[in-house]
Amino acid sequence: MNRLIDPDELEAERAAIEAESIGWLPLENGAYLHVGDRDEEEVVITVTGVPDAGMAGMNVLLLGW
């Protein structure tokens, strides 16, 4: 069977679309930034490998595989 897209590429694309749809900003391939509260006096960025909707108010850097 001839596939149009490799299953791994399809999964990576799906994950990217999902991350961008909840406000994650793409920086590079596999790296996203989510900016939570821009009015915070002290900015702390949490580095993670799995995006979570509970991080909505946090500044988070996602580094994928």
PDB file of N, CA and C in Angstrom:
ATOM      1  N   MET A   1       0.825  -1.171   0.000  1.00  0.00           N
ATOM      2  CA  MET A   1       0.000   0.000   0.000  1.00  0.00           C
ATOM      3  C   MET A   1       0.884   1.254   0.000  1.00  0.00           C
ATOM      4  N   ASN A   2       0.572   2.179  -0.858  1.00  0.00           N
ATOM      5  CA  ASN A   2       1.345   3.412  -0.979  1.00  0.00           C
ATOM      6  C   ASN A   2       0.682   4.511  -0.143  1.00  0.00           C
ATOM      7  N   ARG A   3       1.376   5.004   0.877  1.00  0.00           N
ATOM      8  CA  ARG A   3       0.831   6.040   1.751  1.00  0.00           C
ATOM      9  C   ARG A   3       1.297   7.407   1.278  1.00  0.00           C
ATOM     10  N   LEU A   4       0.444   8.408   1.480  1.00  0.00           N
ATOM     11  CA  LEU A   4       0.790   9.767   1.105  1.00  0.00           C
ATOM     12  C   LEU A   4       1.735  10.424   2.104  1.00  0.00           C
ATOM     13  N   ILE A   5       1.631  10.052   3.366  1.00  0.00           N
ATOM     14  CA  ILE A   5       2.469  10.636   4.409  1.00  0.00           C
ATOM     15  C   ILE A   5       2.898   9.529   5.367  1.00  0.00           C
ATOM     16  N   ASP A   6       4.122   9.617   5.814  1.00  0.00           N
ATOM     17  CA  ASP A   6       4.661   8.660   6.777  1.00  0.00           C
ATOM     18  C   ASP A   6       3.880   8.784   8.091  1.00  0.00           C
ATOM     19  N   PRO A   7       3.516   7.674   8.735  1.00  0.00           N
ATOM     20  CA  PRO A   7       2.753   7.742   9.986  1.00  0.00           C
ATOM     21  C   PRO A   7       3.436   8.572  11.080  1.00  0.00           C
ATOM     22  N   ASP A   8       4.756   8.527  11.169  1.00  0.00           N
ATOM     23  CA  ASP A   8       5.464   9.334  12.168  1.00  0.00           C
ATOM     24  C   ASP A   8       5.363  10.821  11.856  1.00  0.00           C
ATOM     25  N   GLU A   9       5.464  11.172  10.569  1.00  0.00           N
ATOM     26  CA  GLU A   9       5.310  12.567  10.156  1.00  0.00           C
ATOM     27  C   GLU A   9       3.888  13.057  10.424  1.00  0.00           C
ATOM     28  N   LEU A  10       2.917  12.189  10.172  1.00  0.00           N
ATOM     29  CA  LEU A  10       1.517  12.540  10.425  1.00  0.00           C
ATOM     30  C   LEU A  10       1.294  12.801  11.909  1.00  0.00           C
ATOM     31  N   GLU A  11       1.846  11.970  12.771  1.00  0.00           N
ATOM     32  CA  GLU A  11       1.705  12.156  14.218  1.00  0.00           C
ATOM     33  C   GLU A  11       2.373  13.452  14.671  1.00  0.00           C
ATOM     34  N   ALA A  12       3.548  13.750  14.128  1.00  0.00           N
ATOM     35  CA  ALA A  12       4.245  15.000  14.477  1.00  0.00           C
ATOM     36  C   ALA A  12       3.428  16.211  14.024  1.00  0.00           C
ATOM     37  N   GLU A  13       2.850  16.144  12.850  1.00  0.00           N
ATOM     38  CA  GLU A  13       2.029  17.244  12.336  1.00  0.00           C
ATOM     39  C   GLU A  13       0.767  17.421  13.185  1.00  0.00           C
ATOM     40  N   ARG A  14       0.146  16.311  13.569  1.00  0.00           N
ATOM     41  CA  ARG A  14      -1.041  16.369  14.417  1.00  0.00           C
ATOM     42  C   ARG A  14      -0.718  17.011  15.767  1.00  0.00           C
ATOM     43  N   ALA A  15       0.408  16.623  16.347  1.00  0.00           N
ATOM     44  CA  ALA A  15       0.822  17.192  17.634  1.00  0.00           C
ATOM     45  C   ALA A  15       1.097  18.689  17.508  1.00  0.00           C
ATOM     46  N   ALA A  16       1.707  19.108  16.397  1.00  0.00           N
ATOM     47  CA  ALA A  16       1.995  20.525  16.178  1.00  0.00           C
ATOM     48  C   ALA A  16       0.703  21.334  16.039  1.00  0.00           C
ATOM     49  N   ILE A  17      -0.253  20.812  15.303  1.00  0.00           N
ATOM     50  CA  ILE A  17      -1.533  21.505  15.128  1.00  0.00           C
ATOM     51  C   ILE A  17      -2.259  21.616  16.464  1.00  0.00           C
ATOM     52  N   GLU A  18      -2.234  20.547  17.243  1.00  0.00           N
ATOM     53  CA  GLU A  18      -2.884  20.552  18.556  1.00  0.00           C
ATOM     54  C   GLU A  18      -2.240  21.588  19.477  1.00  0.00           C
ATOM     55  N   ALA A  19      -0.916  21.632  19.505  1.00  0.00           N
ATOM     56  CA  ALA A  19      -0.207  22.594  20.366  1.00  0.00           C
ATOM     57  C   ALA A  19      -0.513  24.030  19.956  1.00  0.00           C
ATOM     58  N   GLU A  20      -0.488  24.314  18.661  1.00  0.00           N
ATOM     59  CA  GLU A  20      -0.746  25.666  18.181  1.00  0.00           C
ATOM     60  C   GLU A  20      -2.195  26.074  18.439  1.00  0.00           C
ATOM     61  N   SER A  21      -3.119  25.114  18.421  1.00  0.00           N
ATOM     62  CA  SER A  21      -4.530  25.438  18.621  1.00  0.00           C
ATOM     63  C   SER A  21      -4.835  25.869  20.051  1.00  0.00           C
ATOM     64  N   ILE A  22      -3.966  25.535  21.007  1.00  0.00           N
ATOM     65  CA  ILE A  22      -4.190  25.955  22.400  1.00  0.00           C
ATOM     66  C   ILE A  22      -3.222  27.059  22.818  1.00  0.00           C
ATOM     67  N   GLY A  23      -2.645  27.753  21.830  1.00  0.00           N
ATOM     68  CA  GLY A  23      -1.863  28.949  22.128  1.00  0.00           C
ATOM     69  C   GLY A  23      -0.360  28.793  22.209  1.00  0.00           C
ATOM     70  N   TRP A  24       0.181  27.621  21.889  1.00  0.00           N
ATOM     71  CA  TRP A  24       1.630  27.437  21.897  1.00  0.00           C
ATOM     72  C   TRP A  24       2.206  28.057  20.632  1.00  0.00           C
ATOM     73  N   LEU A  25       3.278  28.825  20.749  1.00  0.00           N
ATOM     74  CA  LEU A  25       3.916  29.494  19.619  1.00  0.00           C
ATOM     75  C   LEU A  25       5.099  28.672  19.129  1.00  0.00           C
ATOM     76  N   PRO A  26       5.106  28.289  17.843  1.00  0.00           N
ATOM     77  CA  PRO A  26       6.232  27.492  17.339  1.00  0.00           C
ATOM     78  C   PRO A  26       7.497  28.338  17.253  1.00  0.00           C
ATOM     79  N   LEU A  27       8.598  27.824  17.801  1.00  0.00           N
ATOM     80  CA  LEU A  27       9.896  28.497  17.723  1.00  0.00           C
ATOM     81  C   LEU A  27      10.767  27.854  16.651  1.00  0.00           C
ATOM     82  N   GLU A  28      10.837  26.543  16.692  1.00  0.00           N
ATOM     83  CA  GLU A  28      11.602  25.715  15.764  1.00  0.00           C
ATOM     84  C   GLU A  28      10.894  24.388  15.663  1.00  0.00           C
ATOM     85  N   ASN A  29      11.399  23.511  14.837  1.00  0.00           N
ATOM     86  CA  ASN A  29      10.828  22.179  14.748  1.00  0.00           C
ATOM     87  C   ASN A  29      10.955  21.491  16.104  1.00  0.00           C
ATOM     88  N   GLY A  30       9.813  21.194  16.736  1.00  0.00           N
ATOM     89  CA  GLY A  30       9.822  20.508  18.027  1.00  0.00           C
ATOM     90  C   GLY A  30       9.980  21.413  19.238  1.00  0.00           C
ATOM     91  N   ALA A  31       9.965  22.733  19.056  1.00  0.00           N
ATOM     92  CA  ALA A  31      10.100  23.655  20.184  1.00  0.00           C
ATOM     93  C   ALA A  31       8.982  24.699  20.135  1.00  0.00           C
ATOM     94  N   TYR A  32       8.254  24.819  21.237  1.00  0.00           N
ATOM     95  CA  TYR A  32       7.131  25.755  21.332  1.00  0.00           C
ATOM     96  C   TYR A  32       7.235  26.563  22.605  1.00  0.00           C
ATOM     97  N   LEU A  33       6.668  27.763  22.587  1.00  0.00           N
ATOM     98  CA  LEU A  33       6.627  28.624  23.760  1.00  0.00           C
ATOM     99  C   LEU A  33       5.179  28.986  24.044  1.00  0.00           C
ATOM    100  N   HIS A  34       4.785  28.896  25.304  1.00  0.00           N
ATOM    101  CA  HIS A  34       3.461  29.359  25.713  1.00  0.00           C
ATOM    102  C   HIS A  34       3.675  30.477  26.717  1.00  0.00           C
ATOM    103  N   VAL A  35       3.157  31.657  26.398  1.00  0.00           N
ATOM    104  CA  VAL A  35       3.285  32.808  27.283  1.00  0.00           C
ATOM    105  C   VAL A  35       1.977  32.938  28.045  1.00  0.00           C
ATOM    106  N   GLY A  36       2.069  32.839  29.350  1.00  0.00           N
ATOM    107  CA  GLY A  36       0.879  32.903  30.196  1.00  0.00           C
ATOM    108  C   GLY A  36       0.497  34.334  30.498  1.00  0.00           C
ATOM    109  N   ASP A  37       0.730  34.771  31.701  1.00  0.00           N
ATOM    110  CA  ASP A  37       0.370  36.112  32.151  1.00  0.00           C
ATOM    111  C   ASP A  37       1.505  37.076  31.812  1.00  0.00           C
ATOM    112  N   ARG A  38       1.273  37.937  30.840  1.00  0.00           N
ATOM    113  CA  ARG A  38       2.315  38.872  30.387  1.00  0.00           C
ATOM    114  C   ARG A  38       2.556  40.001  31.384  1.00  0.00           C
ATOM    115  N   ASP A  39       1.685  40.149  32.363  1.00  0.00           N
ATOM    116  CA  ASP A  39       1.808  41.237  33.331  1.00  0.00           C
ATOM    117  C   ASP A  39       2.544  40.828  34.597  1.00  0.00           C
ATOM    118  N   GLU A  40       3.096  39.628  34.623  1.00  0.00           N
ATOM    119  CA  GLU A  40       3.821  39.168  35.808  1.00  0.00           C
ATOM    120  C   GLU A  40       5.057  40.029  36.042  1.00  0.00           C
ATOM    121  N   GLU A  41       5.330  40.304  37.309  1.00  0.00           N
ATOM    122  CA  GLU A  41       6.503  41.084  37.648  1.00  0.00           C
ATOM    123  C   GLU A  41       7.775  40.274  37.435  1.00  0.00           C
ATOM    124  N   GLU A  42       7.740  39.015  37.859  1.00  0.00           N
ATOM    125  CA  GLU A  42       8.878  38.119  37.707  1.00  0.00           C
ATOM    126  C   GLU A  42       8.484  37.009  36.745  1.00  0.00           C
ATOM    127  N   VAL A  43       9.223  36.870  35.650  1.00  0.00           N
ATOM    128  CA  VAL A  43       8.901  35.862  34.652  1.00  0.00           C
ATOM    129  C   VAL A  43       9.713  34.593  34.913  1.00  0.00           C
ATOM    130  N   VAL A  44       9.026  33.481  35.064  1.00  0.00           N
ATOM    131  CA  VAL A  44       9.640  32.180  35.228  1.00  0.00           C
ATOM    132  C   VAL A  44       9.144  31.312  34.084  1.00  0.00           C
ATOM    133  N   ILE A  45      10.063  30.692  33.355  1.00  0.00           N
ATOM    134  CA  ILE A  45       9.692  29.822  32.249  1.00  0.00           C
ATOM    135  C   ILE A  45       9.946  28.380  32.667  1.00  0.00           C
ATOM    136  N   THR A  46       8.898  27.562  32.592  1.00  0.00           N
ATOM    137  CA  THR A  46       8.992  26.147  32.910  1.00  0.00           C
ATOM    138  C   THR A  46       9.303  25.387  31.635  1.00  0.00           C
ATOM    139  N   VAL A  47      10.321  24.525  31.657  1.00  0.00           N
ATOM    140  CA  VAL A  47      10.684  23.718  30.492  1.00  0.00           C
ATOM    141  C   VAL A  47      10.028  22.359  30.657  1.00  0.00           C
ATOM    142  N   THR A  48       9.308  21.928  29.625  1.00  0.00           N
ATOM    143  CA  THR A  48       8.573  20.679  29.698  1.00  0.00           C
ATOM    144  C   THR A  48       8.651  19.924  28.386  1.00  0.00           C
ATOM    145  N   GLY A  49       8.190  18.705  28.382  1.00  0.00           N
ATOM    146  CA  GLY A  49       8.160  17.906  27.165  1.00  0.00           C
ATOM    147  C   GLY A  49       6.751  17.522  26.765  1.00  0.00           C
ATOM    148  N   VAL A  50       5.763  17.861  27.602  1.00  0.00           N
ATOM    149  CA  VAL A  50       4.388  17.496  27.305  1.00  0.00           C
ATOM    150  C   VAL A  50       3.480  18.697  27.598  1.00  0.00           C
ATOM    151  N   PRO A  51       2.789  19.232  26.574  1.00  0.00           N
ATOM    152  CA  PRO A  51       1.879  20.346  26.829  1.00  0.00           C
ATOM    153  C   PRO A  51       0.657  19.875  27.599  1.00  0.00           C
ATOM    154  N   ASP A  52       0.146  20.735  28.445  1.00  0.00           N
ATOM    155  CA  ASP A  52      -1.013  20.398  29.255  1.00  0.00           C
ATOM    156  C   ASP A  52      -1.893  21.637  29.360  1.00  0.00           C
ATOM    157  N   ALA A  53      -3.195  21.462  29.239  1.00  0.00           N
ATOM    158  CA  ALA A  53      -4.123  22.592  29.303  1.00  0.00           C
ATOM    159  C   ALA A  53      -4.051  23.320  30.643  1.00  0.00           C
ATOM    160  N   GLY A  54      -3.607  22.648  31.692  1.00  0.00           N
ATOM    161  CA  GLY A  54      -3.477  23.275  33.004  1.00  0.00           C
ATOM    162  C   GLY A  54      -2.363  24.307  33.079  1.00  0.00           C
ATOM    163  N   MET A  55      -1.554  24.412  32.035  1.00  0.00           N
ATOM    164  CA  MET A  55      -0.450  25.368  32.004  1.00  0.00           C
ATOM    165  C   MET A  55      -0.878  26.710  31.413  1.00  0.00           C
ATOM    166  N   ALA A  56      -2.170  26.932  31.260  1.00  0.00           N
ATOM    167  CA  ALA A  56      -2.687  28.110  30.563  1.00  0.00           C
ATOM    168  C   ALA A  56      -2.157  29.431  31.112  1.00  0.00           C
ATOM    169  N   GLY A  57      -1.953  29.560  32.405  1.00  0.00           N
ATOM    170  CA  GLY A  57      -1.482  30.812  32.982  1.00  0.00           C
ATOM    171  C   GLY A  57       0.026  30.866  33.196  1.00  0.00           C
ATOM    172  N   MET A  58       0.732  29.870  32.694  1.00  0.00           N
ATOM    173  CA  MET A  58       2.189  29.762  32.925  1.00  0.00           C
ATOM    174  C   MET A  58       2.972  30.124  31.676  1.00  0.00           C
ATOM    175  N   ASN A  59       4.222  30.495  31.869  1.00  0.00           N
ATOM    176  CA  ASN A  59       5.162  30.663  30.765  1.00  0.00           C
ATOM    177  C   ASN A  59       5.908  29.349  30.635  1.00  0.00           C
ATOM    178  N   VAL A  60       5.744  28.676  29.491  1.00  0.00           N
ATOM    179  CA  VAL A  60       6.270  27.321  29.343  1.00  0.00           C
ATOM    180  C   VAL A  60       7.013  27.170  28.018  1.00  0.00           C
ATOM    181  N   LEU A  61       8.176  26.537  28.044  1.00  0.00           N
ATOM    182  CA  LEU A  61       8.927  26.204  26.854  1.00  0.00           C
ATOM    183  C   LEU A  61       8.830  24.704  26.661  1.00  0.00           C
ATOM    184  N   LEU A  62       8.270  24.274  25.534  1.00  0.00           N
ATOM    185  CA  LEU A  62       8.113  22.867  25.225  1.00  0.00           C
ATOM    186  C   LEU A  62       9.210  22.451  24.261  1.00  0.00           C
ATOM    187  N   LEU A  63      10.009  21.482  24.665  1.00  0.00           N
ATOM    188  CA  LEU A  63      11.048  20.935  23.789  1.00  0.00           C
ATOM    189  C   LEU A  63      10.650  19.516  23.456  1.00  0.00           C
ATOM    190  N   GLY A  64      10.301  19.291  22.198  1.00  0.00           N
ATOM    191  CA  GLY A  64       9.849  17.979  21.749  1.00  0.00           C
ATOM    192  C   GLY A  64      11.008  17.090  21.367  1.00  0.00           C
ATOM    193  N   TRP A  65      10.665  15.920  20.945  1.00  0.00           N
ATOM    194  CA  TRP A  65      11.667  14.936  20.589  1.00  0.00           C
ATOM    195  C   TRP A  65      11.950  14.947  19.153  1.00  0.00           C
TER     196      TRP A  65
END
